[in-house]
Amino acid sequence: MKYALLSVYDKTGIVDFAQSIVSLGYKIISTGGTAKVLLENNIKVIPIQEITKNPESFDGRMKTISFQVESGILFDRSNSSHVKQAKALNINPIDIVVCNLYPFEEKQTIENIDVGGPTMLRAGAKNFKSVYVVIDPKDYDKVISFCHSEAGPKNSTRSFPFATLEGQDDNLGFRQKLAAKAFSHLSFYDSQIARFLEKDLFPQELTIPGRKTIMLRYGENPHQKASVYMLPNTNSPLKNLKKEWGRELSYVNLTDINAGLESVRLFKEPCAVIVKHNSPCGLALGKNAKEALKRAVDSDPESAFGGIIVLNRTMDLKAARVIGEFKDTRHANIDIVAVPKIENQAFTFLSRLRKSMGIYTFGKISTKRNYDKSIKFIDGGFIVQTTDDDIERGFKDWKIVTKKKPSARQMEQMKVAWKFISRIRSNAIIVLDKKLPMTRGIGSGQTSRVRSTKIALEQAGKFTKGG
């Protein structure tokens, strides 16, 4: 007899999958809600308690964990001693394990920590040479195809359009991929629980859960490949990044958008930034999106060519026309626009302005992150530090040591400048307009502060006089 154990939280496709493997001669063992769904669809089920010889207990905390179930998954079918022991112990071989876990990331509570599911998945993944271990409904069709090939067409009463596997993985290679996927999922799942329980800022051991969200056009260079992974439950705007128009993102495009977000999120006022290679080349505030963007462009129109624009306000038609004016007067293009929202008229205007320009939206920028650490990868590891968000904390401790005291207006301008410069790569020197909250010169990324100063002053030009 061939047995499959089905116990899933996500019921997507489970009925069709169950019907298919039943037609291939499998008997289904199932639990709780999964068994209920299958029975409602006239699929015979062996209740888990008939295998374990124990009832589901302790509000469902104990269902599948048992000698009978784990033995049925784990014993090595190629080891004659194991096979004899299984027969002597009346252990049924469980050759398919389908399980996905309680959604801990949706509701982080102790009761949502799955124990039985990970145990079954770990056992099935360890014994992948004998067991198909399935966590993802997207893999159901391929599992059925391989099972159909093993059973032979005479043993099936159903037709399987996926049964031709020429050019695809061989059976063992596919099983191993499923096992790797299961272990990755378990690590992803367990690391979330560890983060939920851990109170130490820097624990002795640290794992980072990530879910792939975007396959990038290419990496930092065209010959490199790259993909974006996001932490579960993050409230980062990048989680909601949506292409509205134009080019796909490269590594640098994505990191430029991120750098722009890091700048504009510091301000409640309308803020615009133009980013080139992760460094702002123009930063400004304004009464509205148009004014902020116009000032950001005017900060350094030469560097803005081919840049990334990020706003913390909706892109309306008036703001979009600033980009049009920039193209008309400077014969210059913008590569990417990333904004919380874009109005229809603005979208129509920009999509006609340049077909290859990427237009992206990312939704609301939360005032407080729900992950308060940043990570820098180094050779063989990574550095973890707290995020640099509390920029205003030190304002109250500022001391004036010069004979000439700044005015209240100048102090406000310096606070804006302090926020601006916190997002510019060291060595960083900026020249701020005397009255307007906008940069006039930026010198950054230089090994010499003197050289950064010269660059900032040269760029600022006439705006350095009379300050």
Protein backbone atom coordinates (compact mmCIF):
# COMPACT_ATOMS: atom_id res chain seq x y z
CA MET A 1 0.00 0.00 0.00
CA LYS A 2 1.11 3.56 -0.73
CA TYR A 3 0.26 6.32 1.71
CA ALA A 4 0.28 10.12 1.53
CA LEU A 5 -0.01 12.39 4.56
CA LEU A 6 -1.85 15.66 3.85
CA SER A 7 -2.01 18.32 6.57
CA VAL A 8 -2.11 21.88 5.23
CA TYR A 9 -3.10 25.33 6.42
CA ASP A 10 -3.25 26.69 2.85
CA LYS A 11 -5.88 24.53 1.10
CA THR A 12 -5.11 25.89 -2.39
CA GLY A 13 -5.25 23.01 -4.89
CA ILE A 14 -5.34 20.32 -2.22
CA VAL A 15 -8.59 18.72 -3.44
CA ASP A 16 -7.36 18.27 -7.02
CA PHE A 17 -4.02 17.00 -5.76
CA ALA A 18 -5.70 14.48 -3.46
CA GLN A 19 -7.98 13.22 -6.23
CA SER A 20 -4.99 12.73 -8.51
CA ILE A 21 -2.90 10.70 -6.09
CA VAL A 22 -5.91 8.61 -5.05
CA SER A 23 -6.30 7.66 -8.74
CA LEU A 24 -2.67 6.53 -8.64
CA GLY A 25 -3.37 4.12 -5.79
CA TYR A 26 -2.45 6.19 -2.76
CA LYS A 27 -4.39 6.11 0.49
CA ILE A 28 -4.63 9.49 2.21
CA ILE A 29 -3.93 10.10 5.87
CA SER A 30 -5.12 13.50 7.03
CA THR A 31 -5.86 15.72 10.00
CA GLY A 32 -8.41 18.27 11.22
CA GLY A 33 -9.39 20.94 8.71
CA THR A 34 -7.65 19.24 5.78
CA ALA A 35 -9.53 15.98 6.38
CA LYS A 36 -12.80 17.92 6.60
CA VAL A 37 -12.25 19.58 3.21
CA LEU A 38 -11.33 16.30 1.56
CA LEU A 39 -14.34 14.46 2.99
CA GLU A 40 -16.63 17.25 1.83
CA ASN A 41 -15.32 16.55 -1.67
CA ASN A 42 -15.97 12.79 -1.41
CA ILE A 43 -12.31 11.85 -0.98
CA LYS A 44 -11.73 8.97 1.42
CA VAL A 45 -9.45 9.81 4.32
CA ILE A 46 -7.76 7.77 7.03
CA PRO A 47 -8.01 9.94 10.18
CA ILE A 48 -4.61 10.51 11.74
CA GLN A 49 -5.71 8.91 15.01
CA GLU A 50 -6.13 5.56 13.25
CA ILE A 51 -2.39 5.67 12.51
CA THR A 52 -1.16 7.12 15.81
CA LYS A 53 -3.67 5.13 17.92
CA ASN A 54 -4.12 8.31 19.95
CA PRO A 55 -6.76 11.06 19.74
CA GLU A 56 -5.99 14.62 18.69
CA SER A 57 -5.29 16.20 22.07
CA PHE A 58 -4.51 19.40 23.97
CA ASP A 59 -6.45 21.70 21.62
CA GLY A 60 -4.64 20.25 18.61
CA ARG A 61 -1.13 20.59 20.02
CA MET A 62 -0.76 16.82 19.65
CA LYS A 63 -1.94 15.32 16.35
CA THR A 64 0.76 13.98 14.08
CA ILE A 65 3.77 13.62 16.37
CA SER A 66 4.07 9.89 16.99
CA PHE A 67 6.33 6.89 16.52
CA GLN A 68 4.00 5.51 13.84
CA VAL A 69 3.87 8.64 11.68
CA GLU A 70 7.53 9.67 11.89
CA SER A 71 8.66 6.04 11.41
CA GLY A 72 6.48 5.73 8.31
CA ILE A 73 8.18 8.81 6.85
CA LEU A 74 11.72 8.14 8.02
CA PHE A 75 12.55 4.48 7.48
CA ASP A 76 14.95 3.87 4.59
CA ARG A 77 13.23 1.84 1.88
CA SER A 78 16.60 0.80 0.42
CA ASN A 79 17.78 -0.68 3.74
CA SER A 80 16.50 -4.26 4.10
CA SER A 81 16.87 -4.09 7.88
CA HIS A 82 14.66 -0.98 8.00
CA VAL A 83 12.06 -2.65 5.78
CA LYS A 84 11.93 -5.73 8.02
CA GLN A 85 11.58 -3.58 11.14
CA ALA A 86 8.78 -1.57 9.54
CA LYS A 87 6.86 -4.75 8.73
CA ALA A 88 7.44 -6.17 12.22
CA LEU A 89 6.26 -2.92 13.82
CA ASN A 90 3.28 -2.63 11.44
CA ILE A 91 4.53 0.73 10.13
CA ASN A 92 2.82 2.05 6.98
CA PRO A 93 5.24 3.67 4.50
CA ILE A 94 4.30 7.34 3.98
CA ASP A 95 5.75 8.24 0.58
CA ILE A 96 4.25 11.72 0.16
CA VAL A 97 4.16 14.40 2.86
CA VAL A 98 2.22 17.56 2.00
CA CYS A 99 2.32 20.19 4.71
CA ASN A 100 2.38 23.95 5.01
CA LEU A 101 2.56 25.61 8.36
CA TYR A 102 0.43 27.84 10.57
CA PRO A 103 0.93 31.43 9.33
CA PHE A 104 3.09 32.65 12.20
CA GLU A 105 3.96 35.88 10.39
CA GLU A 106 0.25 36.79 10.18
CA LYS A 107 -0.38 36.25 13.87
CA GLN A 108 2.67 36.07 16.08
CA THR A 109 1.49 34.16 19.14
CA ILE A 110 2.73 31.11 21.02
CA GLU A 111 -0.30 29.11 19.85
CA ASN A 112 0.63 29.79 16.23
CA ILE A 113 3.99 28.05 16.60
CA ASP A 114 3.64 24.85 14.55
CA VAL A 115 5.39 21.80 16.01
CA GLY A 116 3.93 18.75 14.28
CA GLY A 117 4.20 20.23 10.79
CA PRO A 118 7.93 21.03 10.98
CA THR A 119 8.56 17.56 12.44
CA MET A 120 6.89 15.89 9.45
CA LEU A 121 8.65 18.17 6.96
CA ARG A 122 12.06 17.60 8.53
CA ALA A 123 11.55 13.83 8.49
CA GLY A 124 10.36 13.84 4.87
CA ALA A 125 13.18 16.13 3.73
CA LYS A 126 15.80 13.95 5.44
CA ASN A 127 14.40 10.86 3.68
CA PHE A 128 13.88 12.60 0.30
CA LYS A 129 15.19 9.59 -1.63
CA SER A 130 12.02 7.77 -0.60
CA VAL A 131 9.59 10.60 0.16
CA TYR A 132 8.17 13.54 -1.76
CA VAL A 133 8.02 16.40 0.75
CA VAL A 134 5.82 19.24 -0.51
CA ILE A 135 5.32 22.69 1.04
CA ASP A 136 4.22 24.67 -2.02
CA PRO A 137 0.98 24.12 -3.98
CA LYS A 138 2.89 25.22 -7.09
CA ASP A 139 4.76 21.90 -6.93
CA TYR A 140 1.64 19.71 -6.90
CA ASP A 141 1.43 19.18 -10.66
CA LYS A 142 5.04 18.10 -10.98
CA VAL A 143 4.76 15.69 -8.04
CA ILE A 144 1.70 14.13 -9.68
CA SER A 145 3.59 13.81 -12.96
CA PHE A 146 6.47 11.94 -11.34
CA CYS A 147 4.08 9.73 -9.37
CA HIS A 148 2.23 8.96 -12.60
CA SER A 149 5.50 8.00 -14.30
CA GLU A 150 6.38 5.70 -11.41
CA ALA A 151 2.94 4.06 -11.36
CA GLY A 152 2.66 3.62 -15.13
CA PRO A 153 -0.35 4.70 -17.18
CA LYS A 154 -2.17 1.39 -16.64
CA ASN A 155 -2.46 2.11 -12.92
CA SER A 156 -4.20 5.45 -13.39
CA THR A 157 -7.79 6.28 -14.22
CA ARG A 158 -6.95 9.95 -14.87
CA SER A 159 -5.01 11.71 -17.61
CA PHE A 160 -2.06 13.89 -16.64
CA PRO A 161 -0.93 16.57 -19.08
CA PHE A 162 2.27 17.07 -17.06
CA ALA A 163 3.38 13.43 -17.30
CA THR A 164 5.95 14.06 -20.06
CA LEU A 165 9.12 15.01 -18.20
CA GLU A 166 11.69 15.09 -21.02
CA GLY A 167 14.29 17.78 -20.42
CA GLN A 168 13.15 18.33 -16.81
CA ASP A 169 14.75 17.16 -13.57
CA ASP A 170 15.20 13.48 -13.00
CA ASN A 171 13.20 12.01 -10.15
CA LEU A 172 15.93 12.08 -7.52
CA GLY A 173 17.01 15.60 -8.47
CA PHE A 174 13.44 16.80 -8.13
CA ARG A 175 13.05 15.12 -4.74
CA GLN A 176 16.24 16.78 -3.56
CA LYS A 177 14.96 20.19 -4.71
CA LEU A 178 11.77 19.64 -2.73
CA ALA A 179 13.83 18.69 0.33
CA ALA A 180 16.00 21.81 0.03
CA LYS A 181 12.86 23.93 -0.33
CA ALA A 182 11.40 22.34 2.80
CA PHE A 183 14.53 22.99 4.89
CA SER A 184 14.72 26.59 3.62
CA HIS A 185 11.09 27.09 4.58
CA LEU A 186 11.68 25.62 8.04
CA SER A 187 14.65 27.93 8.58
CA PHE A 188 12.59 30.90 7.37
CA TYR A 189 9.75 29.90 9.73
CA ASP A 190 11.91 29.21 12.79
CA SER A 191 13.92 32.40 12.41
CA GLN A 192 10.70 34.42 12.69
CA ILE A 193 9.82 32.66 15.93
CA ALA A 194 13.32 33.27 17.28
CA ARG A 195 13.01 37.00 16.48
CA PHE A 196 9.60 37.06 18.20
CA LEU A 197 10.98 35.50 21.39
CA GLU A 198 14.47 37.05 21.44
CA LYS A 199 14.90 40.14 23.64
CA ASP A 200 18.67 40.55 23.27
CA LEU A 201 19.63 43.32 20.82
CA PHE A 202 22.51 41.23 19.47
CA PRO A 203 21.92 37.51 20.16
CA GLN A 204 24.80 35.04 19.96
CA GLU A 205 23.34 33.39 16.86
CA LEU A 206 21.28 35.22 14.25
CA THR A 207 19.35 34.06 11.20
CA ILE A 208 17.71 36.37 8.68
CA PRO A 209 14.41 35.30 7.09
CA GLY A 210 13.90 36.57 3.56
CA ARG A 211 11.26 36.04 0.87
CA LYS A 212 12.05 36.73 -2.79
CA THR A 213 9.93 39.58 -4.14
CA ILE A 214 11.67 40.93 -7.26
CA MET A 215 14.02 39.36 -9.80
CA LEU A 216 16.16 42.29 -10.91
CA ARG A 217 17.15 43.06 -14.50
CA TYR A 218 20.80 42.50 -13.55
CA GLY A 219 23.12 43.04 -10.58
CA GLU A 220 25.55 45.85 -9.81
CA ASN A 221 27.14 45.13 -13.20
CA PRO A 222 25.36 43.74 -16.29
CA HIS A 223 27.11 40.33 -16.01
CA GLN A 224 25.83 39.84 -12.44
CA LYS A 225 22.44 38.39 -11.48
CA ALA A 226 20.43 39.75 -8.55
CA SER A 227 17.16 39.33 -6.69
CA VAL A 228 15.43 41.24 -3.89
CA TYR A 229 14.42 39.50 -0.65
CA MET A 230 12.22 41.13 1.97
CA LEU A 231 11.81 40.32 5.64
CA PRO A 232 8.38 38.91 6.54
CA ASN A 233 6.00 41.44 8.09
CA THR A 234 8.23 44.36 7.19
CA ASN A 235 6.43 47.68 6.85
CA SER A 236 9.08 48.91 4.41
CA PRO A 237 7.59 50.74 1.41
CA LEU A 238 9.84 48.56 -0.77
CA LYS A 239 7.63 45.59 0.10
CA ASN A 240 4.85 47.27 -1.90
CA LEU A 241 7.04 48.53 -4.73
CA LYS A 242 4.98 48.27 -7.92
CA LYS A 243 6.00 48.91 -11.49
CA GLU A 244 3.50 51.22 -13.18
CA TRP A 245 5.42 51.86 -16.37
CA GLY A 246 8.76 51.53 -18.14
CA ARG A 247 11.99 49.79 -17.38
CA GLU A 248 12.61 46.89 -15.04
CA LEU A 249 14.85 47.61 -12.08
CA SER A 250 18.54 46.82 -11.87
CA TYR A 251 20.50 46.45 -8.62
CA VAL A 252 21.57 50.10 -8.72
CA ASN A 253 18.05 51.31 -9.56
CA LEU A 254 16.66 49.46 -6.53
CA THR A 255 19.37 50.62 -4.15
CA ASP A 256 18.95 54.19 -5.44
CA ILE A 257 15.21 54.05 -4.65
CA ASN A 258 16.10 52.75 -1.21
CA ALA A 259 18.60 55.58 -0.68
CA GLY A 260 15.93 58.06 -1.74
CA LEU A 261 13.42 56.60 0.69
CA GLU A 262 15.95 56.86 3.50
CA SER A 263 16.17 60.59 2.81
CA VAL A 264 12.53 61.56 2.32
CA ARG A 265 11.24 59.50 5.24
CA LEU A 266 13.02 61.87 7.66
CA PHE A 267 10.58 64.67 6.89
CA LYS A 268 6.91 65.35 7.55
CA GLU A 269 7.09 68.21 5.04
CA PRO A 270 6.96 67.48 1.29
CA CYS A 271 10.45 66.30 0.37
CA ALA A 272 12.12 65.40 -2.91
CA VAL A 273 15.50 63.80 -3.56
CA ILE A 274 17.40 62.97 -6.71
CA VAL A 275 19.77 60.03 -6.28
CA LYS A 276 22.74 58.89 -8.35
CA HIS A 277 24.57 55.70 -7.36
CA ASN A 278 23.07 55.64 -3.86
CA SER A 279 24.04 59.22 -3.06
CA PRO A 280 21.71 62.26 -3.14
CA CYS A 281 22.71 64.94 -5.64
CA GLY A 282 19.77 67.19 -4.80
CA LEU A 283 17.64 67.36 -1.65
CA ALA A 284 14.88 69.84 -0.91
CA LEU A 285 11.71 70.56 1.02
CA GLY A 286 8.76 72.57 -0.22
CA LYS A 287 5.16 73.56 0.40
CA ASN A 288 4.08 70.81 -2.02
CA ALA A 289 5.54 68.09 -4.27
CA LYS A 290 6.10 70.48 -7.19
CA GLU A 291 8.07 73.00 -5.15
CA ALA A 292 10.17 70.34 -3.42
CA LEU A 293 10.99 68.63 -6.72
CA LYS A 294 11.79 71.88 -8.52
CA ARG A 295 14.24 72.80 -5.77
CA ALA A 296 15.82 69.32 -5.78
CA VAL A 297 16.40 69.56 -9.55
CA ASP A 298 17.77 73.10 -9.27
CA SER A 299 20.20 71.95 -6.56
CA ASP A 300 22.38 70.26 -9.19
CA PRO A 301 20.74 69.92 -12.61
CA GLU A 302 23.94 68.56 -14.15
CA SER A 303 24.08 65.58 -11.78
CA ALA A 304 20.31 65.07 -11.95
CA PHE A 305 20.65 63.83 -15.56
CA GLY A 306 19.80 60.07 -15.55
CA GLY A 307 18.94 60.19 -11.85
CA ILE A 308 16.30 58.58 -9.66
CA ILE A 309 13.56 60.82 -8.24
CA VAL A 310 11.93 59.86 -4.95
CA LEU A 311 9.14 61.85 -3.25
CA ASN A 312 7.28 61.43 0.02
CA ARG A 313 4.16 62.90 -1.58
CA THR A 314 1.83 61.89 -4.40
CA MET A 315 3.12 62.74 -7.87
CA ASP A 316 0.55 65.14 -9.33
CA LEU A 317 0.53 66.79 -12.76
CA LYS A 318 2.23 69.96 -11.51
CA ALA A 319 5.13 67.96 -10.10
CA ALA A 320 5.31 65.81 -13.24
CA ARG A 321 5.65 68.93 -15.37
CA VAL A 322 8.83 69.80 -13.46
CA ILE A 323 10.37 66.69 -15.05
CA GLY A 324 9.03 67.77 -18.44
CA GLU A 325 10.56 71.22 -18.00
CA PHE A 326 13.86 69.61 -16.99
CA LYS A 327 13.86 67.60 -20.22
CA ASP A 328 12.92 70.59 -22.39
CA THR A 329 15.38 73.10 -20.95
CA ARG A 330 18.32 70.80 -20.19
CA HIS A 331 17.67 68.08 -22.80
CA ALA A 332 18.01 65.72 -19.87
CA ASN A 333 16.23 62.55 -18.82
CA ILE A 334 15.22 60.95 -15.54
CA ASP A 335 15.60 57.16 -15.34
CA ILE A 336 13.24 56.26 -12.49
CA VAL A 337 10.45 58.00 -10.59
CA ALA A 338 9.39 56.36 -7.31
CA VAL A 339 6.52 57.88 -5.34
CA PRO A 340 3.84 56.85 -2.83
CA LYS A 341 1.09 57.36 -5.45
CA ILE A 342 0.74 58.90 -8.88
CA GLU A 343 -2.31 60.70 -10.18
CA ASN A 344 -3.73 59.60 -13.54
CA GLN A 345 -2.91 62.85 -15.31
CA ALA A 346 0.66 62.76 -14.03
CA PHE A 347 1.03 59.13 -15.12
CA THR A 348 -0.22 59.92 -18.64
CA PHE A 349 2.13 62.90 -18.89
CA LEU A 350 5.23 61.00 -17.72
CA SER A 351 4.56 57.85 -19.74
CA ARG A 352 4.41 60.00 -22.89
CA LEU A 353 7.46 62.02 -21.86
CA ARG A 354 9.85 59.05 -22.04
CA LYS A 355 8.83 55.49 -22.84
CA SER A 356 11.80 53.88 -21.07
CA MET A 357 11.48 55.87 -17.84
CA GLY A 358 10.49 53.60 -14.96
CA ILE A 359 7.50 54.75 -12.93
CA TYR A 360 7.10 52.99 -9.57
CA THR A 361 4.78 53.41 -6.59
CA PHE A 362 5.40 52.15 -3.06
CA GLY A 363 2.45 53.30 -0.93
CA LYS A 364 2.64 54.77 2.53
CA ILE A 365 5.94 55.46 4.27
CA SER A 366 5.54 54.38 7.90
CA THR A 367 6.82 56.81 10.50
CA LYS A 368 8.41 53.97 12.47
CA ARG A 369 10.03 50.83 11.10
CA ASN A 370 9.10 47.47 12.59
CA TYR A 371 12.68 46.25 12.07
CA ASP A 372 15.10 48.51 13.88
CA LYS A 373 18.39 47.06 12.60
CA SER A 374 20.38 47.41 9.41
CA ILE A 375 22.77 44.86 7.94
CA LYS A 376 25.99 45.32 6.00
CA PHE A 377 27.42 42.23 4.34
CA ILE A 378 31.17 41.69 4.48
CA ASP A 379 33.34 38.86 3.21
CA GLY A 380 32.16 35.74 5.02
CA GLY A 381 29.57 37.44 7.22
CA PHE A 382 27.69 40.62 8.02
CA ILE A 383 27.55 43.51 10.49
CA VAL A 384 24.33 44.34 12.30
CA GLN A 385 23.69 47.78 13.74
CA THR A 386 20.73 49.82 14.94
CA THR A 387 19.14 52.02 12.28
CA ASP A 388 20.07 55.70 12.08
CA ASP A 389 16.58 57.12 12.45
CA ASP A 390 16.58 59.28 15.56
CA ILE A 391 18.32 62.20 13.88
CA GLU A 392 16.61 64.88 15.98
CA ARG A 393 17.63 63.34 19.30
CA GLY A 394 20.83 65.34 19.51
CA PHE A 395 19.39 68.75 18.62
CA LYS A 396 18.73 69.67 22.25
CA ASP A 397 22.39 69.04 23.10
CA TRP A 398 23.81 71.35 20.44
CA LYS A 399 26.20 73.97 21.83
CA ILE A 400 27.03 77.28 20.16
CA VAL A 401 30.77 77.92 20.59
CA THR A 402 31.26 80.79 18.12
CA LYS A 403 31.21 84.46 19.06
CA LYS A 404 28.60 85.19 16.42
CA LYS A 405 25.38 83.48 17.33
CA PRO A 406 23.11 82.00 14.62
CA SER A 407 19.61 83.36 14.31
CA ALA A 408 16.58 81.19 14.99
CA ARG A 409 16.06 80.86 11.22
CA GLN A 410 19.65 79.78 10.72
CA MET A 411 19.29 77.19 13.47
CA GLU A 412 16.25 75.74 11.70
CA GLN A 413 18.22 75.61 8.45
CA MET A 414 21.06 73.81 10.22
CA LYS A 415 18.64 71.20 11.54
CA VAL A 416 17.43 70.58 7.99
CA ALA A 417 21.05 70.39 6.82
CA TRP A 418 21.87 67.91 9.59
CA LYS A 419 19.08 65.61 8.43
CA PHE A 420 20.14 65.99 4.80
CA ILE A 421 23.78 65.19 5.46
CA SER A 422 22.93 62.09 7.50
CA ARG A 423 21.95 60.42 4.21
CA ILE A 424 24.99 61.51 2.22
CA ARG A 425 28.07 59.34 1.91
CA SER A 426 31.13 60.39 3.91
CA ASN A 427 33.25 62.33 3.62
CA ALA A 428 30.28 64.62 3.18
CA ILE A 429 30.08 68.39 2.95
CA ILE A 430 26.90 70.23 1.96
CA VAL A 431 26.09 73.84 1.27
CA LEU A 432 22.51 74.75 2.14
CA ASP A 433 20.66 77.70 0.69
CA LYS A 434 20.62 80.69 3.05
CA LYS A 435 16.84 80.78 3.22
CA LEU A 436 15.36 77.82 1.37
CA PRO A 437 15.43 74.23 2.68
CA MET A 438 17.43 72.89 -0.29
CA THR A 439 20.98 71.88 -1.05
CA ARG A 440 23.10 74.14 -3.23
CA GLY A 441 26.25 72.04 -3.18
CA ILE A 442 27.10 68.46 -2.17
CA GLY A 443 30.57 66.98 -1.89
CA SER A 444 30.49 63.32 -0.97
CA GLY A 445 32.31 60.02 -1.13
CA GLN A 446 35.78 61.58 -1.12
CA THR A 447 38.73 60.32 0.88
CA SER A 448 39.60 63.93 1.73
CA ARG A 449 37.28 66.34 3.54
CA VAL A 450 39.10 69.18 1.82
CA ARG A 451 38.28 67.70 -1.60
CA SER A 452 34.62 67.18 -0.58
CA THR A 453 34.51 70.83 0.53
CA LYS A 454 35.96 72.05 -2.75
CA ILE A 455 33.39 70.03 -4.73
CA ALA A 456 30.49 71.35 -2.64
CA LEU A 457 31.67 74.97 -2.88
CA GLU A 458 32.34 74.73 -6.62
CA GLN A 459 28.88 73.33 -7.20
CA ALA A 460 27.22 75.94 -4.98
CA GLY A 461 28.99 78.77 -6.86
CA LYS A 462 27.33 82.13 -6.28
CA PHE A 463 25.20 80.75 -3.44
CA THR A 464 28.25 80.63 -1.15
CA LYS A 465 28.51 84.43 -1.08
CA GLY A 466 27.09 86.59 1.64
CA GLY A 467 26.27 83.69 3.99
